[in-house]
Amino acid sequence: MIKEWATVVSWENGEALLSCDVKASCNSCASRSGCGSRVLNKLGPQNTHTIAVSSAEPLVPGQKVELGIAESSLLGSALLVYMAPLAGLFIMAGLFQFLFASDLAAMSGALLGGVGGFLLARGWGEKLTRRNEWQPVIISVGLPPDALRVETFTPQDNR
């Protein structure tokens, strides 16, 4: 199970709205200059993701929760997102090349197959997200932000 900590934004009627921080390890990697992930992280200003997760336990805004998602669902969704457009691209490019014997036709088929594979993955993805095993679950719940108060005193305060 893949785990990540999130912060509760709101809780209402058994559904919690959670904010997850995006963690980028681009400053600690040795290949900073040639990394594609670093470039993509710079493109988008989004530093947090907000998701809705069912929770029977009442939660307080600011409370930390640990989310978990099964590796199989994550790998399955990545496989669907990447392989469906790629398979569509190669299959349609090969089919158009065979039928029309032209590079322009193969390029058109590749474009058509890539877009078709993307649309197919998007449709399947929407159906698969309704499955319970593909949903993130709350594994553990931290203390509410007001439950623990720490005060420190310096020797000057004791006068």
N, C-alpha and C. Protein backbone atom coordinates (compact mmCIF):
# COMPACT_ATOMS: atom_id res chain seq x y z
N MET A 1 0.84 -1.17 0.00
CA MET A 1 0.00 0.00 0.00
C MET A 1 0.89 1.24 0.00
N ILE A 2 0.55 2.20 -0.82
CA ILE A 2 1.27 3.46 -0.89
C ILE A 2 0.60 4.44 0.06
N LYS A 3 1.39 5.09 0.92
CA LYS A 3 0.84 5.94 1.96
C LYS A 3 1.29 7.38 1.77
N GLU A 4 0.43 8.29 2.16
CA GLU A 4 0.71 9.72 2.08
C GLU A 4 -0.09 10.45 3.14
N TRP A 5 0.48 11.50 3.73
CA TRP A 5 -0.23 12.30 4.72
C TRP A 5 -0.97 13.44 4.03
N ALA A 6 -2.14 13.77 4.56
CA ALA A 6 -2.97 14.84 4.02
C ALA A 6 -3.56 15.65 5.17
N THR A 7 -3.99 16.85 4.86
CA THR A 7 -4.60 17.74 5.85
C THR A 7 -6.08 17.89 5.55
N VAL A 8 -6.90 17.80 6.57
CA VAL A 8 -8.34 17.92 6.42
C VAL A 8 -8.69 19.39 6.15
N VAL A 9 -9.44 19.61 5.07
CA VAL A 9 -9.94 20.94 4.75
C VAL A 9 -11.34 21.10 5.34
N SER A 10 -12.17 20.08 5.15
CA SER A 10 -13.52 20.10 5.73
C SER A 10 -14.03 18.67 5.84
N TRP A 11 -15.05 18.48 6.71
CA TRP A 11 -15.71 17.18 6.85
C TRP A 11 -17.20 17.44 6.96
N GLU A 12 -17.97 16.73 6.12
CA GLU A 12 -19.41 16.92 6.13
C GLU A 12 -20.09 15.66 5.64
N ASN A 13 -21.07 15.17 6.40
CA ASN A 13 -21.89 14.02 6.04
C ASN A 13 -21.07 12.79 5.63
N GLY A 14 -20.03 12.49 6.37
CA GLY A 14 -19.24 11.29 6.11
C GLY A 14 -18.25 11.41 4.97
N GLU A 15 -18.02 12.61 4.46
CA GLU A 15 -17.04 12.81 3.39
C GLU A 15 -16.08 13.91 3.79
N ALA A 16 -14.80 13.59 3.72
CA ALA A 16 -13.76 14.54 4.09
C ALA A 16 -13.10 15.09 2.84
N LEU A 17 -12.90 16.39 2.81
CA LEU A 17 -12.16 17.04 1.75
C LEU A 17 -10.74 17.22 2.26
N LEU A 18 -9.78 16.61 1.57
CA LEU A 18 -8.40 16.57 2.04
C LEU A 18 -7.47 17.28 1.08
N SER A 19 -6.45 17.90 1.61
CA SER A 19 -5.45 18.60 0.82
C SER A 19 -4.13 17.86 0.96
N CYS A 20 -3.56 17.42 -0.16
CA CYS A 20 -2.28 16.71 -0.16
C CYS A 20 -1.22 17.60 -0.79
N ASP A 21 -0.09 17.73 -0.14
CA ASP A 21 1.01 18.53 -0.68
C ASP A 21 1.77 17.72 -1.72
N VAL A 22 2.16 18.39 -2.80
CA VAL A 22 2.96 17.76 -3.83
C VAL A 22 4.41 17.80 -3.37
N LYS A 23 5.04 16.63 -3.34
CA LYS A 23 6.43 16.55 -2.93
C LYS A 23 7.30 16.37 -4.14
N ALA A 24 8.17 17.31 -4.35
CA ALA A 24 9.13 17.21 -5.46
C ALA A 24 10.52 17.11 -4.86
N SER A 25 11.25 16.08 -5.24
CA SER A 25 12.60 15.89 -4.72
C SER A 25 13.62 16.39 -5.73
N CYS A 26 13.27 17.42 -6.46
CA CYS A 26 14.14 17.92 -7.53
C CYS A 26 15.40 18.59 -7.01
N ASN A 27 15.42 19.04 -5.79
CA ASN A 27 16.62 19.71 -5.29
C ASN A 27 17.65 18.73 -4.76
N SER A 28 17.27 17.48 -4.52
CA SER A 28 18.21 16.52 -3.96
C SER A 28 18.74 15.54 -4.99
N CYS A 29 18.25 15.59 -6.19
CA CYS A 29 18.65 14.64 -7.23
C CYS A 29 19.91 15.12 -7.94
N ALA A 30 20.74 14.19 -8.38
CA ALA A 30 21.98 14.55 -9.06
C ALA A 30 21.75 14.98 -10.51
N SER A 31 20.66 14.59 -11.12
CA SER A 31 20.43 14.92 -12.54
C SER A 31 19.43 16.06 -12.68
N ARG A 32 19.65 17.14 -11.97
CA ARG A 32 18.71 18.28 -11.98
C ARG A 32 18.58 18.92 -13.35
N SER A 33 19.67 19.05 -14.07
CA SER A 33 19.62 19.79 -15.33
C SER A 33 18.90 19.03 -16.44
N GLY A 34 18.94 17.72 -16.45
CA GLY A 34 18.34 16.96 -17.53
C GLY A 34 17.07 16.22 -17.17
N CYS A 35 16.44 16.60 -16.08
CA CYS A 35 15.27 15.86 -15.61
C CYS A 35 13.99 16.44 -16.19
N GLY A 36 13.16 15.58 -16.76
CA GLY A 36 11.88 16.02 -17.30
C GLY A 36 10.88 16.35 -16.23
N SER A 37 10.93 15.66 -15.09
CA SER A 37 10.00 15.94 -13.99
C SER A 37 10.22 17.33 -13.42
N ARG A 38 11.46 17.75 -13.37
CA ARG A 38 11.76 19.09 -12.86
C ARG A 38 11.14 20.15 -13.77
N VAL A 39 11.24 19.95 -15.06
CA VAL A 39 10.66 20.90 -16.01
C VAL A 39 9.14 20.93 -15.86
N LEU A 40 8.51 19.77 -15.73
CA LEU A 40 7.06 19.71 -15.57
C LEU A 40 6.61 20.34 -14.26
N ASN A 41 7.39 20.16 -13.19
CA ASN A 41 7.04 20.78 -11.92
C ASN A 41 7.10 22.30 -11.98
N LYS A 42 8.00 22.83 -12.81
CA LYS A 42 8.10 24.28 -12.95
C LYS A 42 6.95 24.85 -13.77
N LEU A 43 6.37 24.06 -14.65
CA LEU A 43 5.29 24.55 -15.50
C LEU A 43 4.02 24.86 -14.72
N GLY A 44 3.69 24.00 -13.79
CA GLY A 44 2.44 24.17 -13.06
C GLY A 44 2.65 24.77 -11.69
N PRO A 45 1.86 25.77 -11.31
CA PRO A 45 2.01 26.37 -9.99
C PRO A 45 1.32 25.58 -8.89
N GLN A 46 0.67 24.49 -9.23
CA GLN A 46 -0.11 23.74 -8.26
C GLN A 46 0.80 23.01 -7.29
N ASN A 47 0.70 23.36 -6.01
CA ASN A 47 1.50 22.72 -4.98
C ASN A 47 0.70 21.76 -4.12
N THR A 48 -0.63 21.78 -4.26
CA THR A 48 -1.48 20.89 -3.48
C THR A 48 -2.55 20.29 -4.37
N HIS A 49 -3.03 19.12 -3.97
CA HIS A 49 -4.15 18.46 -4.63
C HIS A 49 -5.24 18.30 -3.59
N THR A 50 -6.47 18.50 -4.00
CA THR A 50 -7.61 18.34 -3.10
C THR A 50 -8.43 17.15 -3.56
N ILE A 51 -8.69 16.22 -2.63
CA ILE A 51 -9.48 15.04 -2.96
C ILE A 51 -10.54 14.82 -1.88
N ALA A 52 -11.61 14.14 -2.28
CA ALA A 52 -12.68 13.79 -1.34
C ALA A 52 -12.58 12.31 -1.01
N VAL A 53 -12.60 12.00 0.29
CA VAL A 53 -12.49 10.62 0.78
C VAL A 53 -13.58 10.40 1.81
N SER A 54 -14.22 9.23 1.75
CA SER A 54 -15.26 8.94 2.74
C SER A 54 -14.63 8.63 4.10
N SER A 55 -15.26 9.17 5.15
CA SER A 55 -14.77 8.97 6.51
C SER A 55 -15.95 8.98 7.46
N ALA A 56 -16.18 7.86 8.14
CA ALA A 56 -17.27 7.79 9.11
C ALA A 56 -16.93 8.56 10.37
N GLU A 57 -15.65 8.67 10.68
CA GLU A 57 -15.21 9.40 11.86
C GLU A 57 -15.20 10.90 11.58
N PRO A 58 -15.81 11.71 12.45
CA PRO A 58 -15.79 13.16 12.24
C PRO A 58 -14.36 13.70 12.31
N LEU A 59 -14.04 14.57 11.39
CA LEU A 59 -12.70 15.16 11.33
C LEU A 59 -12.79 16.67 11.46
N VAL A 60 -11.71 17.26 11.93
CA VAL A 60 -11.65 18.71 12.17
C VAL A 60 -10.71 19.33 11.13
N PRO A 61 -11.06 20.48 10.57
CA PRO A 61 -10.13 21.14 9.64
C PRO A 61 -8.77 21.38 10.29
N GLY A 62 -7.71 21.07 9.54
CA GLY A 62 -6.36 21.17 10.05
C GLY A 62 -5.80 19.88 10.59
N GLN A 63 -6.65 18.88 10.79
CA GLN A 63 -6.23 17.58 11.31
C GLN A 63 -5.48 16.82 10.22
N LYS A 64 -4.47 16.06 10.61
CA LYS A 64 -3.69 15.26 9.67
C LYS A 64 -4.24 13.84 9.62
N VAL A 65 -4.32 13.28 8.42
CA VAL A 65 -4.74 11.90 8.23
C VAL A 65 -3.75 11.22 7.29
N GLU A 66 -3.59 9.92 7.46
CA GLU A 66 -2.73 9.15 6.57
C GLU A 66 -3.61 8.41 5.57
N LEU A 67 -3.37 8.68 4.30
CA LEU A 67 -4.12 8.03 3.22
C LEU A 67 -3.33 6.86 2.68
N GLY A 68 -4.03 5.87 2.17
CA GLY A 68 -3.40 4.73 1.53
C GLY A 68 -4.13 4.35 0.27
N ILE A 69 -3.38 3.90 -0.72
CA ILE A 69 -3.97 3.41 -1.97
C ILE A 69 -3.19 2.16 -2.38
N ALA A 70 -3.89 1.17 -2.86
CA ALA A 70 -3.26 -0.10 -3.23
C ALA A 70 -2.33 0.09 -4.42
N GLU A 71 -1.18 -0.59 -4.37
CA GLU A 71 -0.22 -0.49 -5.47
C GLU A 71 -0.82 -0.97 -6.78
N SER A 72 -1.66 -2.00 -6.72
CA SER A 72 -2.23 -2.56 -7.94
C SER A 72 -3.11 -1.54 -8.65
N SER A 73 -3.86 -0.74 -7.90
CA SER A 73 -4.71 0.26 -8.54
C SER A 73 -3.86 1.38 -9.14
N LEU A 74 -2.79 1.76 -8.46
CA LEU A 74 -1.92 2.80 -8.99
C LEU A 74 -1.20 2.33 -10.25
N LEU A 75 -0.68 1.11 -10.22
CA LEU A 75 0.00 0.56 -11.39
C LEU A 75 -0.97 0.34 -12.55
N GLY A 76 -2.18 -0.12 -12.22
CA GLY A 76 -3.19 -0.33 -13.27
C GLY A 76 -3.59 0.97 -13.93
N SER A 77 -3.75 2.02 -13.15
CA SER A 77 -4.14 3.30 -13.75
C SER A 77 -2.99 3.90 -14.57
N ALA A 78 -1.75 3.75 -14.09
CA ALA A 78 -0.61 4.23 -14.88
C ALA A 78 -0.48 3.45 -16.19
N LEU A 79 -0.68 2.15 -16.13
CA LEU A 79 -0.63 1.33 -17.33
C LEU A 79 -1.71 1.75 -18.33
N LEU A 80 -2.90 2.01 -17.83
CA LEU A 80 -4.00 2.44 -18.69
C LEU A 80 -3.72 3.80 -19.32
N VAL A 81 -3.24 4.73 -18.53
CA VAL A 81 -3.01 6.09 -19.03
C VAL A 81 -1.89 6.14 -20.06
N TYR A 82 -0.84 5.37 -19.85
CA TYR A 82 0.30 5.44 -20.77
C TYR A 82 0.19 4.47 -21.95
N MET A 83 -0.32 3.27 -21.70
CA MET A 83 -0.28 2.26 -22.75
C MET A 83 -1.43 2.35 -23.75
N ALA A 84 -2.60 2.79 -23.33
CA ALA A 84 -3.73 2.87 -24.27
C ALA A 84 -3.44 3.83 -25.42
N PRO A 85 -2.97 5.07 -25.18
CA PRO A 85 -2.64 5.94 -26.32
C PRO A 85 -1.47 5.42 -27.15
N LEU A 86 -0.48 4.81 -26.48
CA LEU A 86 0.67 4.29 -27.21
C LEU A 86 0.29 3.11 -28.10
N ALA A 87 -0.52 2.22 -27.56
CA ALA A 87 -0.99 1.08 -28.37
C ALA A 87 -1.85 1.56 -29.52
N GLY A 88 -2.75 2.51 -29.27
CA GLY A 88 -3.57 3.06 -30.35
C GLY A 88 -2.74 3.71 -31.43
N LEU A 89 -1.70 4.43 -31.02
CA LEU A 89 -0.81 5.09 -31.97
C LEU A 89 -0.15 4.07 -32.89
N PHE A 90 0.46 3.02 -32.32
CA PHE A 90 1.17 2.04 -33.14
C PHE A 90 0.22 1.20 -33.99
N ILE A 91 -0.89 0.80 -33.43
CA ILE A 91 -1.83 -0.06 -34.17
C ILE A 91 -2.42 0.69 -35.36
N MET A 92 -2.89 1.92 -35.11
CA MET A 92 -3.51 2.68 -36.21
C MET A 92 -2.47 3.13 -37.24
N ALA A 93 -1.27 3.47 -36.81
CA ALA A 93 -0.21 3.85 -37.76
C ALA A 93 0.13 2.66 -38.65
N GLY A 94 0.26 1.49 -38.06
CA GLY A 94 0.55 0.29 -38.85
C GLY A 94 -0.58 -0.07 -39.80
N LEU A 95 -1.80 0.04 -39.32
CA LEU A 95 -2.96 -0.26 -40.16
C LEU A 95 -3.08 0.71 -41.33
N PHE A 96 -2.91 2.00 -41.08
CA PHE A 96 -3.00 3.00 -42.16
C PHE A 96 -1.84 2.85 -43.13
N GLN A 97 -0.66 2.50 -42.63
CA GLN A 97 0.48 2.27 -43.52
C GLN A 97 0.22 1.06 -44.41
N PHE A 98 -0.35 0.01 -43.85
CA PHE A 98 -0.67 -1.19 -44.62
C PHE A 98 -1.75 -0.92 -45.66
N LEU A 99 -2.80 -0.20 -45.27
CA LEU A 99 -3.91 0.05 -46.18
C LEU A 99 -3.60 1.06 -47.27
N PHE A 100 -2.88 2.13 -46.94
CA PHE A 100 -2.70 3.22 -47.90
C PHE A 100 -1.27 3.35 -48.40
N ALA A 101 -0.32 2.63 -47.82
CA ALA A 101 1.08 2.62 -48.25
C ALA A 101 1.65 4.02 -48.41
N SER A 102 1.40 4.85 -47.43
CA SER A 102 1.87 6.24 -47.48
C SER A 102 2.30 6.67 -46.09
N ASP A 103 3.39 7.45 -46.04
CA ASP A 103 3.85 7.95 -44.74
C ASP A 103 2.87 8.96 -44.17
N LEU A 104 2.25 9.75 -45.02
CA LEU A 104 1.26 10.72 -44.56
C LEU A 104 0.06 9.99 -43.95
N ALA A 105 -0.35 8.89 -44.56
CA ALA A 105 -1.46 8.10 -44.01
C ALA A 105 -1.06 7.48 -42.67
N ALA A 106 0.18 6.99 -42.59
CA ALA A 106 0.65 6.40 -41.32
C ALA A 106 0.68 7.46 -40.22
N MET A 107 1.11 8.68 -40.57
CA MET A 107 1.15 9.75 -39.59
C MET A 107 -0.27 10.12 -39.15
N SER A 108 -1.19 10.17 -40.10
CA SER A 108 -2.59 10.46 -39.77
C SER A 108 -3.18 9.36 -38.90
N GLY A 109 -2.88 8.12 -39.22
CA GLY A 109 -3.35 7.00 -38.41
C GLY A 109 -2.76 7.03 -37.01
N ALA A 110 -1.48 7.41 -36.90
CA ALA A 110 -0.84 7.50 -35.59
C ALA A 110 -1.52 8.58 -34.74
N LEU A 111 -1.81 9.70 -35.36
CA LEU A 111 -2.49 10.78 -34.64
C LEU A 111 -3.89 10.35 -34.21
N LEU A 112 -4.60 9.74 -35.13
CA LEU A 112 -5.95 9.26 -34.83
C LEU A 112 -5.93 8.19 -33.75
N GLY A 113 -5.00 7.27 -33.83
CA GLY A 113 -4.89 6.20 -32.84
C GLY A 113 -4.47 6.71 -31.48
N GLY A 114 -3.57 7.68 -31.42
CA GLY A 114 -3.15 8.26 -30.13
C GLY A 114 -4.29 8.97 -29.44
N VAL A 115 -5.02 9.79 -30.21
CA VAL A 115 -6.16 10.50 -29.63
C VAL A 115 -7.25 9.51 -29.23
N GLY A 116 -7.51 8.52 -30.07
CA GLY A 116 -8.50 7.50 -29.75
C GLY A 116 -8.12 6.71 -28.50
N GLY A 117 -6.85 6.36 -28.37
CA GLY A 117 -6.38 5.66 -27.18
C GLY A 117 -6.51 6.51 -25.93
N PHE A 118 -6.25 7.81 -26.07
CA PHE A 118 -6.42 8.71 -24.94
C PHE A 118 -7.89 8.78 -24.51
N LEU A 119 -8.78 8.91 -25.48
CA LEU A 119 -10.21 8.97 -25.16
C LEU A 119 -10.71 7.67 -24.56
N LEU A 120 -10.20 6.56 -25.06
CA LEU A 120 -10.54 5.25 -24.52
C LEU A 120 -10.06 5.12 -23.07
N ALA A 121 -8.84 5.56 -22.81
CA ALA A 121 -8.30 5.50 -21.44
C ALA A 121 -9.10 6.40 -20.51
N ARG A 122 -9.51 7.56 -21.00
CA ARG A 122 -10.30 8.46 -20.17
C ARG A 122 -11.66 7.85 -19.82
N GLY A 123 -12.30 7.22 -20.79
CA GLY A 123 -13.59 6.56 -20.53
C GLY A 123 -13.46 5.40 -19.57
N TRP A 124 -12.45 4.55 -19.77
CA TRP A 124 -12.24 3.44 -18.85
C TRP A 124 -11.85 3.93 -17.47
N GLY A 125 -11.05 5.00 -17.43
CA GLY A 125 -10.62 5.55 -16.15
C GLY A 125 -11.79 6.03 -15.31
N GLU A 126 -12.77 6.67 -15.94
CA GLU A 126 -13.94 7.12 -15.21
C GLU A 126 -14.73 5.95 -14.63
N LYS A 127 -14.81 4.86 -15.38
CA LYS A 127 -15.51 3.68 -14.88
C LYS A 127 -14.73 3.00 -13.76
N LEU A 128 -13.42 2.95 -13.89
CA LEU A 128 -12.59 2.28 -12.89
C LEU A 128 -12.52 3.06 -11.59
N THR A 129 -12.66 4.39 -11.64
CA THR A 129 -12.59 5.17 -10.40
C THR A 129 -13.79 4.93 -9.51
N ARG A 130 -14.84 4.36 -10.02
CA ARG A 130 -16.02 4.05 -9.19
C ARG A 130 -15.82 2.80 -8.34
N ARG A 131 -14.81 2.00 -8.66
CA ARG A 131 -14.54 0.79 -7.89
C ARG A 131 -13.97 1.15 -6.52
N ASN A 132 -14.40 0.43 -5.50
CA ASN A 132 -13.93 0.70 -4.14
C ASN A 132 -12.44 0.44 -3.97
N GLU A 133 -11.90 -0.57 -4.63
CA GLU A 133 -10.48 -0.89 -4.45
C GLU A 133 -9.57 0.12 -5.13
N TRP A 134 -10.11 1.01 -5.96
CA TRP A 134 -9.31 2.05 -6.61
C TRP A 134 -9.39 3.37 -5.85
N GLN A 135 -10.11 3.40 -4.75
CA GLN A 135 -10.28 4.64 -3.98
C GLN A 135 -9.26 4.71 -2.85
N PRO A 136 -8.75 5.90 -2.55
CA PRO A 136 -7.88 6.03 -1.38
C PRO A 136 -8.68 5.85 -0.10
N VAL A 137 -8.05 5.31 0.92
CA VAL A 137 -8.71 5.10 2.21
C VAL A 137 -7.89 5.77 3.30
N ILE A 138 -8.57 6.15 4.37
CA ILE A 138 -7.90 6.74 5.52
C ILE A 138 -7.39 5.61 6.40
N ILE A 139 -6.08 5.56 6.60
CA ILE A 139 -5.45 4.51 7.39
C ILE A 139 -5.39 4.90 8.86
N SER A 140 -4.92 6.10 9.13
CA SER A 140 -4.84 6.56 10.52
C SER A 140 -5.15 8.05 10.58
N VAL A 141 -5.57 8.47 11.76
CA VAL A 141 -5.98 9.85 11.98
C VAL A 141 -5.14 10.44 13.10
N GLY A 142 -4.58 11.61 12.83
CA GLY A 142 -3.79 12.30 13.85
C GLY A 142 -4.68 13.08 14.79
N LEU A 143 -4.09 13.65 15.80
CA LEU A 143 -4.83 14.46 16.76
C LEU A 143 -5.34 15.74 16.10
N PRO A 144 -6.47 16.25 16.56
CA PRO A 144 -6.92 17.55 16.05
C PRO A 144 -5.90 18.63 16.42
N PRO A 145 -5.86 19.71 15.64
CA PRO A 145 -4.83 20.72 15.88
C PRO A 145 -4.92 21.38 17.26
N ASP A 146 -6.10 21.42 17.86
CA ASP A 146 -6.25 22.06 19.17
C ASP A 146 -6.16 21.07 20.34
N ALA A 147 -5.88 19.80 20.08
CA ALA A 147 -5.85 18.80 21.14
C ALA A 147 -4.54 18.81 21.92
N LEU A 148 -3.49 19.28 21.33
CA LEU A 148 -2.18 19.26 21.97
C LEU A 148 -1.60 20.67 21.95
N ARG A 149 -1.29 21.17 23.12
CA ARG A 149 -0.73 22.51 23.21
C ARG A 149 0.59 22.43 23.96
N VAL A 150 1.61 22.97 23.37
CA VAL A 150 2.93 22.95 23.98
C VAL A 150 3.32 24.39 24.28
N GLU A 151 3.68 24.63 25.54
CA GLU A 151 4.14 25.95 25.94
C GLU A 151 5.57 25.81 26.43
N THR A 152 6.38 26.74 26.05
CA THR A 152 7.75 26.74 26.52
C THR A 152 7.98 28.00 27.35
N PHE A 153 8.69 27.83 28.44
CA PHE A 153 9.01 28.95 29.31
C PHE A 153 10.51 29.14 29.34
N THR A 154 10.92 30.35 29.28
CA THR A 154 12.34 30.67 29.42
C THR A 154 12.56 31.11 30.86
N PRO A 155 13.79 31.10 31.36
CA PRO A 155 14.06 31.51 32.73
C PRO A 155 13.62 32.95 33.02
N GLN A 156 13.54 33.80 32.03
CA GLN A 156 13.12 35.18 32.23
C GLN A 156 11.64 35.25 32.58
N ASP A 157 10.84 34.27 32.15
CA ASP A 157 9.41 34.28 32.40
C ASP A 157 9.07 33.94 33.86
N ASN A 158 9.99 33.37 34.62
CA ASN A 158 9.73 32.93 35.99
C ASN A 158 9.89 34.03 37.03
N ARG A 159 10.17 35.23 36.70
CA ARG A 159 10.38 36.31 37.66
C ARG A 159 9.16 36.67 38.39
